[in-house]
N, C-alpha and C. Protein backbone atom coordinates (compact mmCIF):
# COMPACT_ATOMS: atom_id res chain seq x y z
N MET A 1 36.88 -83.01 83.60
CA MET A 1 37.80 -84.53 83.89
C MET A 1 36.47 -85.72 82.92
N GLU A 2 35.26 -85.35 84.14
CA GLU A 2 34.24 -86.33 83.44
C GLU A 2 34.06 -86.01 82.20
N GLN A 3 34.22 -84.92 81.58
CA GLN A 3 33.86 -85.10 80.08
C GLN A 3 35.47 -85.91 79.41
N ALA A 4 36.00 -85.68 79.82
CA ALA A 4 37.21 -86.28 79.22
C ALA A 4 37.31 -87.59 79.01
N LYS A 5 36.66 -88.68 80.32
CA LYS A 5 36.50 -90.16 80.55
C LYS A 5 35.38 -90.19 79.19
N LYS A 6 34.12 -89.90 79.44
CA LYS A 6 33.01 -89.67 78.15
C LYS A 6 33.53 -89.99 77.03
N PHE A 7 34.59 -89.18 76.72
CA PHE A 7 35.07 -88.66 74.94
C PHE A 7 35.84 -90.44 74.97
N VAL A 8 36.48 -90.59 75.96
CA VAL A 8 37.71 -91.69 75.70
C VAL A 8 36.74 -92.85 75.38
N ALA A 9 35.56 -92.95 76.72
CA ALA A 9 34.83 -94.00 76.58
C ALA A 9 34.08 -94.21 75.13
N THR A 10 33.78 -93.18 74.65
CA THR A 10 33.09 -93.58 73.23
C THR A 10 33.81 -93.10 71.88
N ASP A 11 35.27 -92.74 72.52
CA ASP A 11 36.06 -93.13 70.99
C ASP A 11 36.23 -94.37 71.44
N VAL A 12 36.55 -95.26 72.38
CA VAL A 12 36.52 -96.86 72.36
C VAL A 12 35.56 -97.69 71.85
N LYS A 13 34.22 -97.38 71.90
CA LYS A 13 33.09 -97.59 71.63
C LYS A 13 33.15 -97.36 70.08
N ASN A 14 33.34 -96.32 69.60
CA ASN A 14 33.60 -96.32 68.23
C ASN A 14 34.25 -97.26 67.11
N ASP A 15 35.40 -97.52 67.78
CA ASP A 15 36.98 -98.69 67.73
C ASP A 15 36.30 -99.89 67.24
N CYS A 16 35.28 -99.97 68.09
CA CYS A 16 34.80 -101.92 68.23
C CYS A 16 33.28 -101.70 67.56
N ASN A 17 33.29 -100.78 67.26
CA ASN A 17 32.33 -100.79 66.17
C ASN A 17 32.94 -101.03 64.34
N GLU A 18 33.73 -100.03 64.41
CA GLU A 18 34.68 -100.23 63.03
C GLU A 18 35.25 -101.77 62.97
N ASN A 19 35.95 -102.06 64.44
CA ASN A 19 36.33 -103.49 64.38
C ASN A 19 35.25 -104.82 63.98
N SER A 20 34.12 -104.43 63.76
CA SER A 20 32.74 -105.10 64.13
C SER A 20 32.82 -105.11 62.25
N THR A 21 32.64 -103.99 61.48
CA THR A 21 32.08 -103.85 60.62
C THR A 21 33.28 -104.23 59.40
N LEU A 22 34.65 -104.46 60.11
CA LEU A 22 35.73 -104.57 58.93
C LEU A 22 35.19 -106.07 59.04
N MET A 23 35.06 -106.98 60.27
CA MET A 23 35.25 -108.46 60.53
C MET A 23 33.87 -108.59 59.62
N GLU A 24 32.49 -108.12 59.87
CA GLU A 24 31.68 -108.51 58.92
C GLU A 24 31.90 -108.37 57.38
N THR A 25 32.67 -107.61 56.81
CA THR A 25 33.06 -107.05 56.00
C THR A 25 33.82 -108.36 55.28
N PHE A 26 35.22 -108.56 56.16
CA PHE A 26 35.78 -109.50 55.57
C PHE A 26 34.83 -111.05 55.88
N ASP A 27 34.02 -111.78 56.52
CA ASP A 27 33.11 -112.63 56.55
C ASP A 27 32.16 -112.50 55.03
N VAL A 28 32.00 -111.54 54.56
CA VAL A 28 31.51 -111.33 52.95
C VAL A 28 31.74 -111.93 52.02
N ILE A 29 33.30 -111.20 52.43
CA ILE A 29 34.12 -111.19 51.10
C ILE A 29 34.69 -113.14 51.03
N ASP A 30 35.40 -113.37 52.57
CA ASP A 30 35.75 -114.82 52.41
C ASP A 30 34.46 -116.13 51.89
N GLY A 31 32.94 -115.61 52.58
CA GLY A 31 31.60 -116.40 52.04
C GLY A 31 31.62 -116.46 50.99
N PHE A 32 31.86 -115.37 49.70
CA PHE A 32 32.18 -115.22 48.20
C PHE A 32 32.97 -116.15 47.72
N LEU A 33 34.20 -116.48 48.10
CA LEU A 33 35.50 -116.72 47.82
C LEU A 33 35.40 -118.31 48.52
N GLU A 34 34.73 -118.81 49.26
CA GLU A 34 34.25 -120.48 49.55
C GLU A 34 33.19 -120.56 48.53
N ARG A 35 32.32 -120.36 48.93
CA ARG A 35 30.80 -120.77 48.13
C ARG A 35 30.71 -120.06 46.51
N LYS A 36 31.18 -119.23 46.00
CA LYS A 36 31.22 -118.87 44.33
C LYS A 36 32.26 -119.19 43.78
N LEU A 37 33.22 -118.30 44.60
CA LEU A 37 34.81 -118.10 43.34
C LEU A 37 35.63 -119.54 43.12
N PHE A 38 35.48 -120.52 44.42
CA PHE A 38 36.43 -121.66 44.86
C PHE A 38 35.71 -122.57 43.96
N PRO A 39 33.95 -122.78 44.38
CA PRO A 39 33.94 -124.06 42.96
C PRO A 39 34.07 -123.59 41.23
N PHE A 40 33.88 -122.52 40.96
CA PHE A 40 33.98 -121.73 39.79
C PHE A 40 35.29 -121.76 39.12
N ILE A 41 36.35 -121.39 40.08
CA ILE A 41 37.79 -121.69 39.35
C ILE A 41 38.03 -123.17 39.67
N CYS A 42 37.65 -124.08 40.20
CA CYS A 42 37.55 -125.66 40.09
C CYS A 42 37.02 -125.95 39.03
N SER A 43 35.73 -125.48 38.32
CA SER A 43 35.59 -126.58 37.35
C SER A 43 35.62 -125.64 36.13
N ALA A 44 36.18 -124.36 35.87
CA ALA A 44 36.44 -123.44 34.62
C ALA A 44 37.73 -123.70 34.70
N VAL A 45 39.20 -123.83 35.12
CA VAL A 45 40.58 -124.14 34.59
C VAL A 45 40.55 -125.04 34.24
N PRO A 46 39.55 -126.55 34.69
CA PRO A 46 40.13 -127.56 33.87
C PRO A 46 39.27 -127.41 32.85
N LEU A 47 38.50 -126.76 32.67
CA LEU A 47 37.52 -126.66 31.08
C LEU A 47 38.07 -126.14 30.37
N TYR A 48 38.96 -124.79 30.72
CA TYR A 48 39.64 -124.04 29.85
C TYR A 48 41.19 -124.67 29.36
N LEU A 49 41.71 -125.16 30.51
CA LEU A 49 42.95 -126.21 29.36
C LEU A 49 42.39 -127.41 28.73
N ILE A 50 41.37 -128.38 29.24
CA ILE A 50 40.85 -129.18 27.92
C ILE A 50 40.36 -128.32 26.66
N ALA A 51 39.69 -127.45 26.64
CA ALA A 51 39.11 -126.81 25.58
C ALA A 51 40.93 -126.40 24.63
N HIS A 52 41.21 -125.90 25.38
CA HIS A 52 42.81 -125.21 25.14
C HIS A 52 43.51 -126.26 24.46
N LEU A 53 43.65 -127.47 25.35
CA LEU A 53 44.49 -129.15 24.31
C LEU A 53 43.89 -129.19 22.83
N VAL A 54 42.47 -129.20 23.17
CA VAL A 54 41.45 -129.82 22.01
C VAL A 54 41.62 -128.38 20.35
N VAL A 55 41.76 -127.17 20.87
CA VAL A 55 41.97 -126.18 19.94
C VAL A 55 43.65 -126.48 19.34
N MET A 56 44.81 -126.40 20.18
CA MET A 56 45.76 -126.63 19.59
C MET A 56 45.95 -128.04 19.26
N PHE A 57 45.64 -129.22 19.38
CA PHE A 57 46.07 -130.15 18.43
C PHE A 57 44.84 -130.21 17.03
N SER A 58 43.63 -129.77 17.65
CA SER A 58 42.90 -129.98 15.84
C SER A 58 44.04 -128.88 15.11
N ARG A 59 44.50 -127.86 15.18
CA ARG A 59 45.52 -127.07 14.73
C ARG A 59 46.71 -128.03 13.96
N GLN A 60 46.95 -128.55 14.30
CA GLN A 60 48.00 -129.27 13.72
C GLN A 60 47.98 -130.37 12.78
């Protein structure tokens, strides 16, 4: 009976570690999206549209 209790407690402890690792991974991805990708998209999309319009009007 004691072995079963120890096994269950260890199993629960491993689940908490997996959730912690999952949250750490989520935090890294979220930080990347906020700090790197979002500012890049905010600057790249308008530049792309302006360049597209310049090329489109220069071909006419």
